[in-house]
Amino acid sequence: VAVVTWSGGSIYYADSVKGRFTLSRDLA
C-alpha cells in the first residue's frame, strides 16, 4: 500500500491508492 524509507526522505504509494492515502509518522 505505502512505505516510508528509513530516512523518512521518501514515501512511495501503490498506484491504486496514490492521491487518496497519506502515510505519516510521529517518531516521538
mmCIF file of all heavy atoms, coordinates in Angstrom:
data_MODEL
# 
_entry.id   MODEL 
# 
loop_
_atom_site.group_PDB 
_atom_site.id 
_atom_site.type_symbol 
_atom_site.label_atom_id 
_atom_site.label_alt_id 
_atom_site.label_comp_id 
_atom_site.label_asym_id 
_atom_site.label_entity_id 
_atom_site.label_seq_id 
_atom_site.pdbx_PDB_ins_code 
_atom_site.Cartn_x 
_atom_site.Cartn_y 
_atom_site.Cartn_z 
_atom_site.occupancy 
_atom_site.B_iso_or_equiv 
_atom_site.pdbx_formal_charge 
_atom_site.auth_seq_id 
_atom_site.auth_comp_id 
_atom_site.auth_asym_id 
_atom_site.auth_atom_id 
_atom_site.pdbx_PDB_model_num 
ATOM 1   N N   . VAL A 1 1  ? 0.830  -1.198 0.000   1.00 0.00 ? 1  VAL A N   1 
ATOM 2   C CA  . VAL A 1 1  ? 0.000  0.000  0.000   1.00 0.00 ? 1  VAL A CA  1 
ATOM 3   C C   . VAL A 1 1  ? 0.874  1.261  0.000   1.00 0.00 ? 1  VAL A C   1 
ATOM 4   O O   . VAL A 1 1  ? 0.740  2.120  -0.855  1.00 0.00 ? 1  VAL A O   1 
ATOM 5   C CB  . VAL A 1 1  ? -0.957 0.028  1.203   1.00 0.00 ? 1  VAL A CB  1 
ATOM 6   C CG1 . VAL A 1 1  ? -1.727 1.353  1.251   1.00 0.00 ? 1  VAL A CG1 1 
ATOM 7   C CG2 . VAL A 1 1  ? -1.918 -1.150 1.156   1.00 0.00 ? 1  VAL A CG2 1 
ATOM 8   N N   . ALA A 1 2  ? 1.753  1.364  0.986   1.00 0.00 ? 2  ALA A N   1 
ATOM 9   C CA  . ALA A 1 2  ? 2.595  2.547  1.113   1.00 0.00 ? 2  ALA A CA  1 
ATOM 10  C C   . ALA A 1 2  ? 3.796  2.216  1.979   1.00 0.00 ? 2  ALA A C   1 
ATOM 11  O O   . ALA A 1 2  ? 3.736  1.319  2.827   1.00 0.00 ? 2  ALA A O   1 
ATOM 12  C CB  . ALA A 1 2  ? 1.821  3.716  1.723   1.00 0.00 ? 2  ALA A CB  1 
ATOM 13  N N   . VAL A 1 3  ? 4.890  2.943  1.774   1.00 0.00 ? 3  VAL A N   1 
ATOM 14  C CA  . VAL A 1 3  ? 6.083  2.739  2.581   1.00 0.00 ? 3  VAL A CA  1 
ATOM 15  C C   . VAL A 1 3  ? 6.825  4.061  2.718   1.00 0.00 ? 3  VAL A C   1 
ATOM 16  O O   . VAL A 1 3  ? 6.843  4.870  1.793   1.00 0.00 ? 3  VAL A O   1 
ATOM 17  C CB  . VAL A 1 3  ? 7.003  1.661  1.965   1.00 0.00 ? 3  VAL A CB  1 
ATOM 18  C CG1 . VAL A 1 3  ? 7.609  2.131  0.654   1.00 0.00 ? 3  VAL A CG1 1 
ATOM 19  C CG2 . VAL A 1 3  ? 8.095  1.254  2.933   1.00 0.00 ? 3  VAL A CG2 1 
ATOM 20  N N   . VAL A 1 4  ? 7.396  4.265  3.896   1.00 0.00 ? 4  VAL A N   1 
ATOM 21  C CA  . VAL A 1 4  ? 8.300  5.390  4.122   1.00 0.00 ? 4  VAL A CA  1 
ATOM 22  C C   . VAL A 1 4  ? 9.683  4.809  4.362   1.00 0.00 ? 4  VAL A C   1 
ATOM 23  O O   . VAL A 1 4  ? 9.835  3.826  5.079   1.00 0.00 ? 4  VAL A O   1 
ATOM 24  C CB  . VAL A 1 4  ? 7.844  6.265  5.315   1.00 0.00 ? 4  VAL A CB  1 
ATOM 25  C CG1 . VAL A 1 4  ? 7.707  5.459  6.599   1.00 0.00 ? 4  VAL A CG1 1 
ATOM 26  C CG2 . VAL A 1 4  ? 8.788  7.442  5.518   1.00 0.00 ? 4  VAL A CG2 1 
ATOM 27  N N   . THR A 1 5  ? 10.683 5.402  3.733   1.00 0.00 ? 5  THR A N   1 
ATOM 28  C CA  . THR A 1 5  ? 12.037 4.870  3.856   1.00 0.00 ? 5  THR A CA  1 
ATOM 29  C C   . THR A 1 5  ? 12.630 5.167  5.219   1.00 0.00 ? 5  THR A C   1 
ATOM 30  O O   . THR A 1 5  ? 12.121 6.009  5.963   1.00 0.00 ? 5  THR A O   1 
ATOM 31  C CB  . THR A 1 5  ? 12.939 5.457  2.764   1.00 0.00 ? 5  THR A CB  1 
ATOM 32  O OG1 . THR A 1 5  ? 12.944 6.891  2.890   1.00 0.00 ? 5  THR A OG1 1 
ATOM 33  C CG2 . THR A 1 5  ? 12.431 5.078  1.384   1.00 0.00 ? 5  THR A CG2 1 
ATOM 34  N N   . TRP A 1 6  ? 13.730 4.503  5.540   1.00 0.00 ? 6  TRP A N   1 
ATOM 35  C CA  . TRP A 1 6  ? 14.325 4.609  6.872   1.00 0.00 ? 6  TRP A CA  1 
ATOM 36  C C   . TRP A 1 6  ? 14.704 6.047  7.216   1.00 0.00 ? 6  TRP A C   1 
ATOM 37  O O   . TRP A 1 6  ? 14.625 6.461  8.365   1.00 0.00 ? 6  TRP A O   1 
ATOM 38  C CB  . TRP A 1 6  ? 15.549 3.707  6.967   1.00 0.00 ? 6  TRP A CB  1 
ATOM 39  C CG  . TRP A 1 6  ? 16.675 4.126  6.057   1.00 0.00 ? 6  TRP A CG  1 
ATOM 40  C CD1 . TRP A 1 6  ? 16.852 3.780  4.757   1.00 0.00 ? 6  TRP A CD1 1 
ATOM 41  C CD2 . TRP A 1 6  ? 17.767 4.983  6.399   1.00 0.00 ? 6  TRP A CD2 1 
ATOM 42  N NE1 . TRP A 1 6  ? 17.976 4.377  4.241   1.00 0.00 ? 6  TRP A NE1 1 
ATOM 43  C CE2 . TRP A 1 6  ? 18.573 5.110  5.234   1.00 0.00 ? 6  TRP A CE2 1 
ATOM 44  C CE3 . TRP A 1 6  ? 18.155 5.649  7.552   1.00 0.00 ? 6  TRP A CE3 1 
ATOM 45  C CZ2 . TRP A 1 6  ? 19.723 5.875  5.214   1.00 0.00 ? 6  TRP A CZ2 1 
ATOM 46  C CZ3 . TRP A 1 6  ? 19.315 6.420  7.531   1.00 0.00 ? 6  TRP A CZ3 1 
ATOM 47  C CH2 . TRP A 1 6  ? 20.083 6.522  6.370   1.00 0.00 ? 6  TRP A CH2 1 
ATOM 48  N N   . SER A 1 7  ? 15.086 6.820  6.214   1.00 0.00 ? 7  SER A N   1 
ATOM 49  C CA  . SER A 1 7  ? 15.478 8.209  6.460   1.00 0.00 ? 7  SER A CA  1 
ATOM 50  C C   . SER A 1 7  ? 14.280 9.133  6.578   1.00 0.00 ? 7  SER A C   1 
ATOM 51  O O   . SER A 1 7  ? 14.400 10.281 7.014   1.00 0.00 ? 7  SER A O   1 
ATOM 52  C CB  . SER A 1 7  ? 16.376 8.709  5.324   1.00 0.00 ? 7  SER A CB  1 
ATOM 53  O OG  . SER A 1 7  ? 15.634 8.771  4.114   1.00 0.00 ? 7  SER A OG  1 
ATOM 54  N N   . GLY A 1 8  ? 13.131 8.636  6.172   1.00 0.00 ? 8  GLY A N   1 
ATOM 55  C CA  . GLY A 1 8  ? 11.953 9.489  6.144   1.00 0.00 ? 8  GLY A CA  1 
ATOM 56  C C   . GLY A 1 8  ? 11.922 10.403 4.939   1.00 0.00 ? 8  GLY A C   1 
ATOM 57  O O   . GLY A 1 8  ? 10.992 11.186 4.775   1.00 0.00 ? 8  GLY A O   1 
ATOM 58  N N   . GLY A 1 9  ? 12.928 10.274 4.078   1.00 0.00 ? 9  GLY A N   1 
ATOM 59  C CA  . GLY A 1 9  ? 13.045 11.189 2.955   1.00 0.00 ? 9  GLY A CA  1 
ATOM 60  C C   . GLY A 1 9  ? 12.122 10.885 1.793   1.00 0.00 ? 9  GLY A C   1 
ATOM 61  O O   . GLY A 1 9  ? 11.863 11.760 0.953   1.00 0.00 ? 9  GLY A O   1 
ATOM 62  N N   . SER A 1 10 ? 11.655 9.658  1.723   1.00 0.00 ? 10 SER A N   1 
ATOM 63  C CA  . SER A 1 10 ? 10.808 9.281  0.584   1.00 0.00 ? 10 SER A CA  1 
ATOM 64  C C   . SER A 1 10 ? 9.634  8.438  1.061   1.00 0.00 ? 10 SER A C   1 
ATOM 65  O O   . SER A 1 10 ? 9.779  7.623  1.967   1.00 0.00 ? 10 SER A O   1 
ATOM 66  C CB  . SER A 1 10 ? 11.613 8.481  -0.444  1.00 0.00 ? 10 SER A CB  1 
ATOM 67  O OG  . SER A 1 10 ? 12.660 9.250  -1.004  1.00 0.00 ? 10 SER A OG  1 
ATOM 68  N N   . ILE A 1 11 ? 8.499  8.662  0.446   1.00 0.00 ? 11 ILE A N   1 
ATOM 69  C CA  . ILE A 1 11 ? 7.305  7.857  0.685   1.00 0.00 ? 11 ILE A CA  1 
ATOM 70  C C   . ILE A 1 11 ? 6.793  7.384  -0.672  1.00 0.00 ? 11 ILE A C   1 
ATOM 71  O O   . ILE A 1 11 ? 6.695  8.176  -1.606  1.00 0.00 ? 11 ILE A O   1 
ATOM 72  C CB  . ILE A 1 11 ? 6.209  8.646  1.418   1.00 0.00 ? 11 ILE A CB  1 
ATOM 73  C CG1 . ILE A 1 11 ? 6.728  9.136  2.780   1.00 0.00 ? 11 ILE A CG1 1 
ATOM 74  C CG2 . ILE A 1 11 ? 4.970  7.787  1.611   1.00 0.00 ? 11 ILE A CG2 1 
ATOM 75  C CD1 . ILE A 1 11 ? 5.757  10.026 3.528   1.00 0.00 ? 11 ILE A CD1 1 
ATOM 76  N N   . TYR A 1 12 ? 6.503  6.117  -0.758  1.00 0.00 ? 12 TYR A N   1 
ATOM 77  C CA  . TYR A 1 12 ? 6.015  5.535  -2.004  1.00 0.00 ? 12 TYR A CA  1 
ATOM 78  C C   . TYR A 1 12 ? 4.621  4.953  -1.770  1.00 0.00 ? 12 TYR A C   1 
ATOM 79  O O   . TYR A 1 12 ? 4.338  4.402  -0.705  1.00 0.00 ? 12 TYR A O   1 
ATOM 80  C CB  . TYR A 1 12 ? 6.969  4.443  -2.490  1.00 0.00 ? 12 TYR A CB  1 
ATOM 81  C CG  . TYR A 1 12 ? 8.364  4.933  -2.764  1.00 0.00 ? 12 TYR A CG  1 
ATOM 82  C CD1 . TYR A 1 12 ? 9.363  4.789  -1.807  1.00 0.00 ? 12 TYR A CD1 1 
ATOM 83  C CD2 . TYR A 1 12 ? 8.684  5.559  -3.964  1.00 0.00 ? 12 TYR A CD2 1 
ATOM 84  C CE1 . TYR A 1 12 ? 10.650 5.243  -2.052  1.00 0.00 ? 12 TYR A CE1 1 
ATOM 85  C CE2 . TYR A 1 12 ? 9.972  6.012  -4.206  1.00 0.00 ? 12 TYR A CE2 1 
ATOM 86  C CZ  . TYR A 1 12 ? 10.949 5.853  -3.246  1.00 0.00 ? 12 TYR A CZ  1 
ATOM 87  O OH  . TYR A 1 12 ? 12.228 6.313  -3.486  1.00 0.00 ? 12 TYR A OH  1 
ATOM 88  N N   . TYR A 1 13 ? 3.783  5.053  -2.786  1.00 0.00 ? 13 TYR A N   1 
ATOM 89  C CA  . TYR A 1 13 ? 2.417  4.551  -2.709  1.00 0.00 ? 13 TYR A CA  1 
ATOM 90  C C   . TYR A 1 13 ? 2.126  3.624  -3.877  1.00 0.00 ? 13 TYR A C   1 
ATOM 91  O O   . TYR A 1 13 ? 2.663  3.787  -4.981  1.00 0.00 ? 13 TYR A O   1 
ATOM 92  C CB  . TYR A 1 13 ? 1.412  5.710  -2.753  1.00 0.00 ? 13 TYR A CB  1 
ATOM 93  C CG  . TYR A 1 13 ? 1.509  6.676  -1.601  1.00 0.00 ? 13 TYR A CG  1 
ATOM 94  C CD1 . TYR A 1 13 ? 2.285  7.831  -1.687  1.00 0.00 ? 13 TYR A CD1 1 
ATOM 95  C CD2 . TYR A 1 13 ? 0.826  6.430  -0.405  1.00 0.00 ? 13 TYR A CD2 1 
ATOM 96  C CE1 . TYR A 1 13 ? 2.376  8.725  -0.623  1.00 0.00 ? 13 TYR A CE1 1 
ATOM 97  C CE2 . TYR A 1 13 ? 0.918  7.321  0.656   1.00 0.00 ? 13 TYR A CE2 1 
ATOM 98  C CZ  . TYR A 1 13 ? 1.695  8.456  0.535   1.00 0.00 ? 13 TYR A CZ  1 
ATOM 99  O OH  . TYR A 1 13 ? 1.774  9.317  1.601   1.00 0.00 ? 13 TYR A OH  1 
ATOM 100 N N   . ALA A 1 14 ? 1.250  2.679  -3.631  1.00 0.00 ? 14 ALA A N   1 
ATOM 101 C CA  . ALA A 1 14 ? 0.721  1.879  -4.729  1.00 0.00 ? 14 ALA A CA  1 
ATOM 102 C C   . ALA A 1 14 ? -0.115 2.785  -5.625  1.00 0.00 ? 14 ALA A C   1 
ATOM 103 O O   . ALA A 1 14 ? -0.759 3.731  -5.150  1.00 0.00 ? 14 ALA A O   1 
ATOM 104 C CB  . ALA A 1 14 ? -0.129 0.739  -4.183  1.00 0.00 ? 14 ALA A CB  1 
ATOM 105 N N   . ASP A 1 15 ? -0.119 2.492  -6.900  1.00 0.00 ? 15 ASP A N   1 
ATOM 106 C CA  . ASP A 1 15 ? -0.885 3.313  -7.840  1.00 0.00 ? 15 ASP A CA  1 
ATOM 107 C C   . ASP A 1 15 ? -2.368 3.358  -7.463  1.00 0.00 ? 15 ASP A C   1 
ATOM 108 O O   . ASP A 1 15 ? -3.028 4.378  -7.668  1.00 0.00 ? 15 ASP A O   1 
ATOM 109 C CB  . ASP A 1 15 ? -0.729 2.766  -9.261  1.00 0.00 ? 15 ASP A CB  1 
ATOM 110 C CG  . ASP A 1 15 ? 0.654  3.018  -9.840  1.00 0.00 ? 15 ASP A CG  1 
ATOM 111 O OD1 . ASP A 1 15 ? 1.375  3.888  -9.296  1.00 0.00 ? 15 ASP A OD1 1 
ATOM 112 O OD2 . ASP A 1 15 ? 1.008  2.350  -10.808 1.00 0.00 ? 15 ASP A OD2 1 
ATOM 113 N N   . SER A 1 16 ? -2.868 2.274  -6.904  1.00 0.00 ? 16 SER A N   1 
ATOM 114 C CA  . SER A 1 16 ? -4.293 2.187  -6.594  1.00 0.00 ? 16 SER A CA  1 
ATOM 115 C C   . SER A 1 16 ? -4.717 3.125  -5.467  1.00 0.00 ? 16 SER A C   1 
ATOM 116 O O   . SER A 1 16 ? -5.909 3.406  -5.314  1.00 0.00 ? 16 SER A O   1 
ATOM 117 C CB  . SER A 1 16 ? -4.659 0.751  -6.228  1.00 0.00 ? 16 SER A CB  1 
ATOM 118 O OG  . SER A 1 16 ? -3.897 0.314  -5.113  1.00 0.00 ? 16 SER A OG  1 
ATOM 119 N N   . VAL A 1 17 ? -3.765 3.607  -4.663  1.00 0.00 ? 17 VAL A N   1 
ATOM 120 C CA  . VAL A 1 17 ? -4.123 4.475  -3.536  1.00 0.00 ? 17 VAL A CA  1 
ATOM 121 C C   . VAL A 1 17 ? -3.509 5.864  -3.655  1.00 0.00 ? 17 VAL A C   1 
ATOM 122 O O   . VAL A 1 17 ? -3.813 6.748  -2.843  1.00 0.00 ? 17 VAL A O   1 
ATOM 123 C CB  . VAL A 1 17 ? -3.699 3.850  -2.195  1.00 0.00 ? 17 VAL A CB  1 
ATOM 124 C CG1 . VAL A 1 17 ? -4.251 2.437  -2.058  1.00 0.00 ? 17 VAL A CG1 1 
ATOM 125 C CG2 . VAL A 1 17 ? -2.185 3.865  -2.011  1.00 0.00 ? 17 VAL A CG2 1 
ATOM 126 N N   . LYS A 1 18 ? -2.674 6.064  -4.645  1.00 0.00 ? 18 LYS A N   1 
ATOM 127 C CA  . LYS A 1 18 ? -1.994 7.346  -4.813  1.00 0.00 ? 18 LYS A CA  1 
ATOM 128 C C   . LYS A 1 18 ? -3.010 8.475  -4.956  1.00 0.00 ? 18 LYS A C   1 
ATOM 129 O O   . LYS A 1 18 ? -3.970 8.362  -5.717  1.00 0.00 ? 18 LYS A O   1 
ATOM 130 C CB  . LYS A 1 18 ? -1.076 7.276  -6.036  1.00 0.00 ? 18 LYS A CB  1 
ATOM 131 C CG  . LYS A 1 18 ? 0.042  8.292  -6.062  1.00 0.00 ? 18 LYS A CG  1 
ATOM 132 C CD  . LYS A 1 18 ? 1.002  7.989  -7.209  1.00 0.00 ? 18 LYS A CD  1 
ATOM 133 C CE  . LYS A 1 18 ? 1.717  6.674  -7.005  1.00 0.00 ? 18 LYS A CE  1 
ATOM 134 N NZ  . LYS A 1 18 ? 2.697  6.406  -8.080  1.00 0.00 ? 18 LYS A NZ  1 
ATOM 135 N N   . GLY A 1 19 ? -2.805 9.539  -4.199  1.00 0.00 ? 19 GLY A N   1 
ATOM 136 C CA  . GLY A 1 19 ? -3.718 10.671 -4.230  1.00 0.00 ? 19 GLY A CA  1 
ATOM 137 C C   . GLY A 1 19 ? -4.862 10.555 -3.252  1.00 0.00 ? 19 GLY A C   1 
ATOM 138 O O   . GLY A 1 19 ? -5.582 11.529 -3.019  1.00 0.00 ? 19 GLY A O   1 
ATOM 139 N N   . ARG A 1 20 ? -5.070 9.370  -2.669  1.00 0.00 ? 20 ARG A N   1 
ATOM 140 C CA  . ARG A 1 20 ? -6.159 9.160  -1.701  1.00 0.00 ? 20 ARG A CA  1 
ATOM 141 C C   . ARG A 1 20 ? -5.632 8.832  -0.314  1.00 0.00 ? 20 ARG A C   1 
ATOM 142 O O   . ARG A 1 20 ? -6.265 9.182  0.681   1.00 0.00 ? 20 ARG A O   1 
ATOM 143 C CB  . ARG A 1 20 ? -7.076 8.031  -2.179  1.00 0.00 ? 20 ARG A CB  1 
ATOM 144 C CG  . ARG A 1 20 ? -7.718 8.285  -3.521  1.00 0.00 ? 20 ARG A CG  1 
ATOM 145 C CD  . ARG A 1 20 ? -8.755 7.209  -3.861  1.00 0.00 ? 20 ARG A CD  1 
ATOM 146 N NE  . ARG A 1 20 ? -8.178 5.874  -3.958  1.00 0.00 ? 20 ARG A NE  1 
ATOM 147 C CZ  . ARG A 1 20 ? -8.531 4.846  -3.178  1.00 0.00 ? 20 ARG A CZ  1 
ATOM 148 N NH1 . ARG A 1 20 ? -9.472 4.993  -2.263  1.00 0.00 ? 20 ARG A NH1 1 
ATOM 149 N NH2 . ARG A 1 20 ? -7.959 3.665  -3.354  1.00 0.00 ? 20 ARG A NH2 1 
ATOM 150 N N   . PHE A 1 21 ? -4.512 8.133  -0.235  1.00 0.00 ? 21 PHE A N   1 
ATOM 151 C CA  . PHE A 1 21 ? -3.937 7.719  1.042   1.00 0.00 ? 21 PHE A CA  1 
ATOM 152 C C   . PHE A 1 21 ? -2.689 8.546  1.325   1.00 0.00 ? 21 PHE A C   1 
ATOM 153 O O   . PHE A 1 21 ? -1.939 8.896  0.403   1.00 0.00 ? 21 PHE A O   1 
ATOM 154 C CB  . PHE A 1 21 ? -3.553 6.244  1.009   1.00 0.00 ? 21 PHE A CB  1 
ATOM 155 C CG  . PHE A 1 21 ? -4.703 5.277  0.978   1.00 0.00 ? 21 PHE A CG  1 
ATOM 156 C CD1 . PHE A 1 21 ? -6.005 5.691  0.752   1.00 0.00 ? 21 PHE A CD1 1 
ATOM 157 C CD2 . PHE A 1 21 ? -4.474 3.924  1.196   1.00 0.00 ? 21 PHE A CD2 1 
ATOM 158 C CE1 . PHE A 1 21 ? -7.060 4.798  0.721   1.00 0.00 ? 21 PHE A CE1 1 
ATOM 159 C CE2 . PHE A 1 21 ? -5.512 2.999  1.180   1.00 0.00 ? 21 PHE A CE2 1 
ATOM 160 C CZ  . PHE A 1 21 ? -6.793 3.439  0.936   1.00 0.00 ? 21 PHE A CZ  1 
ATOM 161 N N   . THR A 1 22 ? -2.462 8.817  2.614   1.00 0.00 ? 22 THR A N   1 
ATOM 162 C CA  . THR A 1 22 ? -1.279 9.560  3.036   1.00 0.00 ? 22 THR A CA  1 
ATOM 163 C C   . THR A 1 22 ? -0.640 8.875  4.227   1.00 0.00 ? 22 THR A C   1 
ATOM 164 O O   . THR A 1 22 ? -1.297 8.666  5.248   1.00 0.00 ? 22 THR A O   1 
ATOM 165 C CB  . THR A 1 22 ? -1.636 11.003 3.416   1.00 0.00 ? 22 THR A CB  1 
ATOM 166 O OG1 . THR A 1 22 ? -2.286 11.650 2.308   1.00 0.00 ? 22 THR A OG1 1 
ATOM 167 C CG2 . THR A 1 22 ? -0.375 11.788 3.772   1.00 0.00 ? 22 THR A CG2 1 
ATOM 168 N N   . LEU A 1 23 ? 0.638  8.544  4.086   1.00 0.00 ? 23 LEU A N   1 
ATOM 169 C CA  . LEU A 1 23 ? 1.390  7.937  5.175   1.00 0.00 ? 23 LEU A CA  1 
ATOM 170 C C   . LEU A 1 23 ? 2.158  9.030  5.897   1.00 0.00 ? 23 LEU A C   1 
ATOM 171 O O   . LEU A 1 23 ? 2.764  9.903  5.260   1.00 0.00 ? 23 LEU A O   1 
ATOM 172 C CB  . LEU A 1 23 ? 2.356  6.877  4.624   1.00 0.00 ? 23 LEU A CB  1 
ATOM 173 C CG  . LEU A 1 23 ? 3.124  6.002  5.609   1.00 0.00 ? 23 LEU A CG  1 
ATOM 174 C CD1 . LEU A 1 23 ? 3.578  4.720  4.917   1.00 0.00 ? 23 LEU A CD1 1 
ATOM 175 C CD2 . LEU A 1 23 ? 4.315  6.689  6.224   1.00 0.00 ? 23 LEU A CD2 1 
ATOM 176 N N   . SER A 1 24 ? 2.144  8.970  7.208   1.00 0.00 ? 24 SER A N   1 
ATOM 177 C CA  . SER A 1 24 ? 2.934  9.892  8.014   1.00 0.00 ? 24 SER A CA  1 
ATOM 178 C C   . SER A 1 24 ? 3.409  9.156  9.256   1.00 0.00 ? 24 SER A C   1 
ATOM 179 O O   . SER A 1 24 ? 2.953  8.047  9.539   1.00 0.00 ? 24 SER A O   1 
ATOM 180 C CB  . SER A 1 24 ? 2.112  11.125 8.398   1.00 0.00 ? 24 SER A CB  1 
ATOM 181 O OG  . SER A 1 24 ? 1.013  10.760 9.202   1.00 0.00 ? 24 SER A OG  1 
ATOM 182 N N   . ARG A 1 25 ? 4.330  9.759  9.974   1.00 0.00 ? 25 ARG A N   1 
ATOM 183 C CA  . ARG A 1 25 ? 4.802  9.123  11.188  1.00 0.00 ? 25 ARG A CA  1 
ATOM 184 C C   . ARG A 1 25 ? 5.176  10.178 12.214  1.00 0.00 ? 25 ARG A C   1 
ATOM 185 O O   . ARG A 1 25 ? 5.567  11.293 11.864  1.00 0.00 ? 25 ARG A O   1 
ATOM 186 C CB  . ARG A 1 25 ? 5.987  8.196  10.914  1.00 0.00 ? 25 ARG A CB  1 
ATOM 187 C CG  . ARG A 1 25 ? 7.185  8.872  10.282  1.00 0.00 ? 25 ARG A CG  1 
ATOM 188 C CD  . ARG A 1 25 ? 8.297  7.862  10.011  1.00 0.00 ? 25 ARG A CD  1 
ATOM 189 N NE  . ARG A 1 25 ? 9.515  8.551  9.585   1.00 0.00 ? 25 ARG A NE  1 
ATOM 190 C CZ  . ARG A 1 25 ? 10.669 7.951  9.350   1.00 0.00 ? 25 ARG A CZ  1 
ATOM 191 N NH1 . ARG A 1 25 ? 10.762 6.631  9.497   1.00 0.00 ? 25 ARG A NH1 1 
ATOM 192 N NH2 . ARG A 1 25 ? 11.719 8.627  8.959   1.00 0.00 ? 25 ARG A NH2 1 
ATOM 193 N N   . ASP A 1 26 ? 5.048  9.808  13.471  1.00 0.00 ? 26 ASP A N   1 
ATOM 194 C CA  . ASP A 1 26 ? 5.421  10.651 14.607  1.00 0.00 ? 26 ASP A CA  1 
ATOM 195 C C   . ASP A 1 26 ? 6.474  9.873  15.382  1.00 0.00 ? 26 ASP A C   1 
ATOM 196 O O   . ASP A 1 26 ? 6.138  8.965  16.155  1.00 0.00 ? 26 ASP A O   1 
ATOM 197 C CB  . ASP A 1 26 ? 4.195  10.953 15.471  1.00 0.00 ? 26 ASP A CB  1 
ATOM 198 C CG  . ASP A 1 26 ? 4.497  11.923 16.589  1.00 0.00 ? 26 ASP A CG  1 
ATOM 199 O OD1 . ASP A 1 26 ? 5.654  11.994 17.039  1.00 0.00 ? 26 ASP A OD1 1 
ATOM 200 O OD2 . ASP A 1 26 ? 3.559  12.609 17.042  1.00 0.00 ? 26 ASP A OD2 1 
ATOM 201 N N   . LEU A 1 27 ? 7.737  10.211 15.176  1.00 0.00 ? 27 LEU A N   1 
ATOM 202 C CA  . LEU A 1 27 ? 8.819  9.448  15.789  1.00 0.00 ? 27 LEU A CA  1 
ATOM 203 C C   . LEU A 1 27 ? 8.794  9.554  17.303  1.00 0.00 ? 27 LEU A C   1 
ATOM 204 O O   . LEU A 1 27 ? 9.148  8.608  18.007  1.00 0.00 ? 27 LEU A O   1 
ATOM 205 C CB  . LEU A 1 27 ? 10.169 9.928  15.245  1.00 0.00 ? 27 LEU A CB  1 
ATOM 206 C CG  . LEU A 1 27 ? 10.391 9.703  13.747  1.00 0.00 ? 27 LEU A CG  1 
ATOM 207 C CD1 . LEU A 1 27 ? 11.769 10.206 13.340  1.00 0.00 ? 27 LEU A CD1 1 
ATOM 208 C CD2 . LEU A 1 27 ? 10.203 8.250  13.386  1.00 0.00 ? 27 LEU A CD2 1 
ATOM 209 N N   . ALA A 1 28 ? 8.354  10.669 17.828  1.00 0.00 ? 28 ALA A N   1 
ATOM 210 C CA  . ALA A 1 28 ? 8.313  10.844 19.283  1.00 0.00 ? 28 ALA A CA  1 
ATOM 211 C C   . ALA A 1 28 ? 7.316  9.887  19.922  1.00 0.00 ? 28 ALA A C   1 
ATOM 212 O O   . ALA A 1 28 ? 7.465  9.502  21.079  1.00 0.00 ? 28 ALA A O   1 
ATOM 213 C CB  . ALA A 1 28 ? 7.956  12.282 19.623  1.00 0.00 ? 28 ALA A CB  1 
# 
